[in-house]
Amino acid sequence: MAEEPKDNRFSNYARKGAEARLAELMAEIEFIYRTFPQLRGAQPGAVAPAASAAREARPRRKPKWTPAMKKEAADRMKKYWAGRRATSRKPAGRE
């Protein structure tokens, strides 16, 4: 009895494994189509019309900061960074 070459056997195993996986995927796809019939015939990656319409209808949000709020924040940050610079300039060991 002649034995098949090793790489031919591996190729056969790989093909059989790929065929089994393909059958699993086809069964999973069919299950998804039975569960969600509206997906049949839809383009992959296509957005549902209701979802895209809702996204487009949303107005763009603008920051709610008034000039006074911006100035207060700027003053706070200036004070914060001045304090950070002052502590980093102190010699080590003296507090």
C-alpha atoms as a PDB file:
ATOM      1  CA  MET A   1       0.000   0.000   0.000  1.00  0.00           C
ATOM      2  CA  ALA A   2       1.585   3.285  -1.147  1.00  0.00           C
ATOM      3  CA  GLU A   3       1.508   6.188   1.237  1.00  0.00           C
ATOM      4  CA  GLU A   4       0.639   9.726   0.069  1.00  0.00           C
ATOM      5  CA  PRO A   5       3.370  12.364   0.270  1.00  0.00           C
ATOM      6  CA  LYS A   6       3.174  14.391   3.506  1.00  0.00           C
ATOM      7  CA  ASP A   7       2.434  17.764   1.921  1.00  0.00           C
ATOM      8  CA  ASN A   8      -0.394  16.235  -0.143  1.00  0.00           C
ATOM      9  CA  ARG A   9      -1.956  14.819   3.044  1.00  0.00           C
ATOM     10  CA  PHE A  10      -1.690  18.216   4.754  1.00  0.00           C
ATOM     11  CA  SER A  11      -3.239  19.852   1.732  1.00  0.00           C
ATOM     12  CA  ASN A  12      -6.149  17.404   1.903  1.00  0.00           C
ATOM     13  CA  TYR A  13      -6.599  18.080   5.650  1.00  0.00           C
ATOM     14  CA  ALA A  14      -6.510  21.818   5.040  1.00  0.00           C
ATOM     15  CA  ARG A  15      -9.102  21.535   2.267  1.00  0.00           C
ATOM     16  CA  LYS A  16     -11.383  19.375   4.415  1.00  0.00           C
ATOM     17  CA  GLY A  17     -11.033  21.847   7.309  1.00  0.00           C
ATOM     18  CA  ALA A  18     -11.785  24.772   5.027  1.00  0.00           C
ATOM     19  CA  GLU A  19     -14.844  22.983   3.641  1.00  0.00           C
ATOM     20  CA  ALA A  20     -16.110  22.284   7.176  1.00  0.00           C
ATOM     21  CA  ARG A  21     -15.575  25.905   8.223  1.00  0.00           C
ATOM     22  CA  LEU A  22     -17.321  27.121   5.062  1.00  0.00           C
ATOM     23  CA  ALA A  23     -20.313  24.919   5.876  1.00  0.00           C
ATOM     24  CA  GLU A  24     -20.411  26.364   9.424  1.00  0.00           C
ATOM     25  CA  LEU A  25     -20.305  29.921   8.073  1.00  0.00           C
ATOM     26  CA  MET A  26     -23.026  29.229   5.523  1.00  0.00           C
ATOM     27  CA  ALA A  27     -25.250  27.802   8.289  1.00  0.00           C
ATOM     28  CA  GLU A  28     -24.558  30.862  10.457  1.00  0.00           C
ATOM     29  CA  ILE A  29     -25.386  33.223   7.578  1.00  0.00           C
ATOM     30  CA  GLU A  30     -28.641  31.380   6.939  1.00  0.00           C
ATOM     31  CA  PHE A  31     -29.527  31.619  10.652  1.00  0.00           C
ATOM     32  CA  ILE A  32     -28.876  35.379  10.591  1.00  0.00           C
ATOM     33  CA  TYR A  33     -31.072  35.810   7.497  1.00  0.00           C
ATOM     34  CA  ARG A  34     -33.876  33.824   9.123  1.00  0.00           C
ATOM     35  CA  THR A  35     -33.583  35.951  12.258  1.00  0.00           C
ATOM     36  CA  PHE A  36     -33.255  39.286  10.402  1.00  0.00           C
ATOM     37  CA  PRO A  37     -34.956  38.891   6.996  1.00  0.00           C
ATOM     38  CA  GLN A  38     -34.525  42.599   6.226  1.00  0.00           C
ATOM     39  CA  LEU A  39     -30.768  41.980   5.877  1.00  0.00           C
ATOM     40  CA  ARG A  40     -31.203  39.731   2.860  1.00  0.00           C
ATOM     41  CA  GLY A  41     -30.118  41.695  -0.178  1.00  0.00           C
ATOM     42  CA  ALA A  42     -28.610  44.550   1.890  1.00  0.00           C
ATOM     43  CA  GLN A  43     -25.169  45.778   0.948  1.00  0.00           C
ATOM     44  CA  PRO A  44     -22.405  44.837   3.438  1.00  0.00           C
ATOM     45  CA  GLY A  45     -21.561  47.830   5.589  1.00  0.00           C
ATOM     46  CA  ALA A  46     -24.602  49.789   4.427  1.00  0.00           C
ATOM     47  CA  VAL A  47     -26.242  51.946   7.069  1.00  0.00           C
ATOM     48  CA  ALA A  48     -29.940  51.538   7.650  1.00  0.00           C
ATOM     49  CA  PRO A  49     -31.882  54.569   6.315  1.00  0.00           C
ATOM     50  CA  ALA A  50     -33.391  55.399   9.714  1.00  0.00           C
ATOM     51  CA  ALA A  51     -29.983  55.427  11.397  1.00  0.00           C
ATOM     52  CA  SER A  52     -28.369  57.678   8.778  1.00  0.00           C
ATOM     53  CA  ALA A  53     -31.347  60.059   8.812  1.00  0.00           C
ATOM     54  CA  ALA A  54     -31.158  60.376  12.588  1.00  0.00           C
ATOM     55  CA  ARG A  55     -27.438  61.085  12.385  1.00  0.00           C
ATOM     56  CA  GLU A  56     -27.926  63.804   9.757  1.00  0.00           C
ATOM     57  CA  ALA A  57     -30.844  65.402  11.613  1.00  0.00           C
ATOM     58  CA  ARG A  58     -28.770  66.006  14.729  1.00  0.00           C
ATOM     59  CA  PRO A  59     -27.577  69.627  14.867  1.00  0.00           C
ATOM     60  CA  ARG A  60     -23.906  70.234  15.366  1.00  0.00           C
ATOM     61  CA  ARG A  61     -23.124  71.103  18.964  1.00  0.00           C
ATOM     62  CA  LYS A  62     -21.269  74.305  19.702  1.00  0.00           C
ATOM     63  CA  PRO A  63     -19.285  74.972  22.854  1.00  0.00           C
ATOM     64  CA  LYS A  64     -21.285  76.758  25.510  1.00  0.00           C
ATOM     65  CA  TRP A  65     -18.367  78.758  26.906  1.00  0.00           C
ATOM     66  CA  THR A  66     -18.967  82.482  27.153  1.00  0.00           C
ATOM     67  CA  PRO A  67     -16.019  84.893  26.896  1.00  0.00           C
ATOM     68  CA  ALA A  68     -16.237  85.432  30.671  1.00  0.00           C
ATOM     69  CA  MET A  69     -16.005  81.668  31.297  1.00  0.00           C
ATOM     70  CA  LYS A  70     -12.987  81.421  29.006  1.00  0.00           C
ATOM     71  CA  LYS A  71     -11.250  84.288  30.856  1.00  0.00           C
ATOM     72  CA  GLU A  72     -11.921  82.678  34.245  1.00  0.00           C
ATOM     73  CA  ALA A  73     -10.490  79.369  33.037  1.00  0.00           C
ATOM     74  CA  ALA A  74      -7.452  81.119  31.562  1.00  0.00           C
ATOM     75  CA  ASP A  75      -6.817  82.960  34.842  1.00  0.00           C
ATOM     76  CA  ARG A  76      -7.133  79.714  36.825  1.00  0.00           C
ATOM     77  CA  MET A  77      -4.679  77.949  34.538  1.00  0.00           C
ATOM     78  CA  LYS A  78      -2.198  80.843  34.691  1.00  0.00           C
ATOM     79  CA  LYS A  79      -2.328  80.661  38.489  1.00  0.00           C
ATOM     80  CA  TYR A  80      -1.955  76.865  38.396  1.00  0.00           C
ATOM     81  CA  TRP A  81       1.084  76.915  36.111  1.00  0.00           C
ATOM     82  CA  ALA A  82       2.689  79.771  38.009  1.00  0.00           C
ATOM     83  CA  GLY A  83       2.420  77.644  41.154  1.00  0.00           C
ATOM     84  CA  ARG A  84       3.905  74.648  39.354  1.00  0.00           C
ATOM     85  CA  ARG A  85       6.844  76.726  38.120  1.00  0.00           C
ATOM     86  CA  ALA A  86       7.407  78.163  41.587  1.00  0.00           C
ATOM     87  CA  THR A  87       7.561  74.728  43.239  1.00  0.00           C
ATOM     88  CA  SER A  88       9.891  73.339  40.566  1.00  0.00           C
ATOM     89  CA  ARG A  89      12.379  76.207  41.132  1.00  0.00           C
ATOM     90  CA  LYS A  90      12.761  75.540  44.869  1.00  0.00           C
ATOM     91  CA  PRO A  91      16.073  73.867  45.712  1.00  0.00           C
ATOM     92  CA  ALA A  92      15.735  70.304  46.930  1.00  0.00           C
ATOM     93  CA  GLY A  93      15.765  69.854  50.699  1.00  0.00           C
ATOM     94  CA  ARG A  94      14.475  73.365  51.570  1.00  0.00           C
ATOM     95  CA  GLU A  95      10.808  73.752  52.215  1.00  0.00           C
END
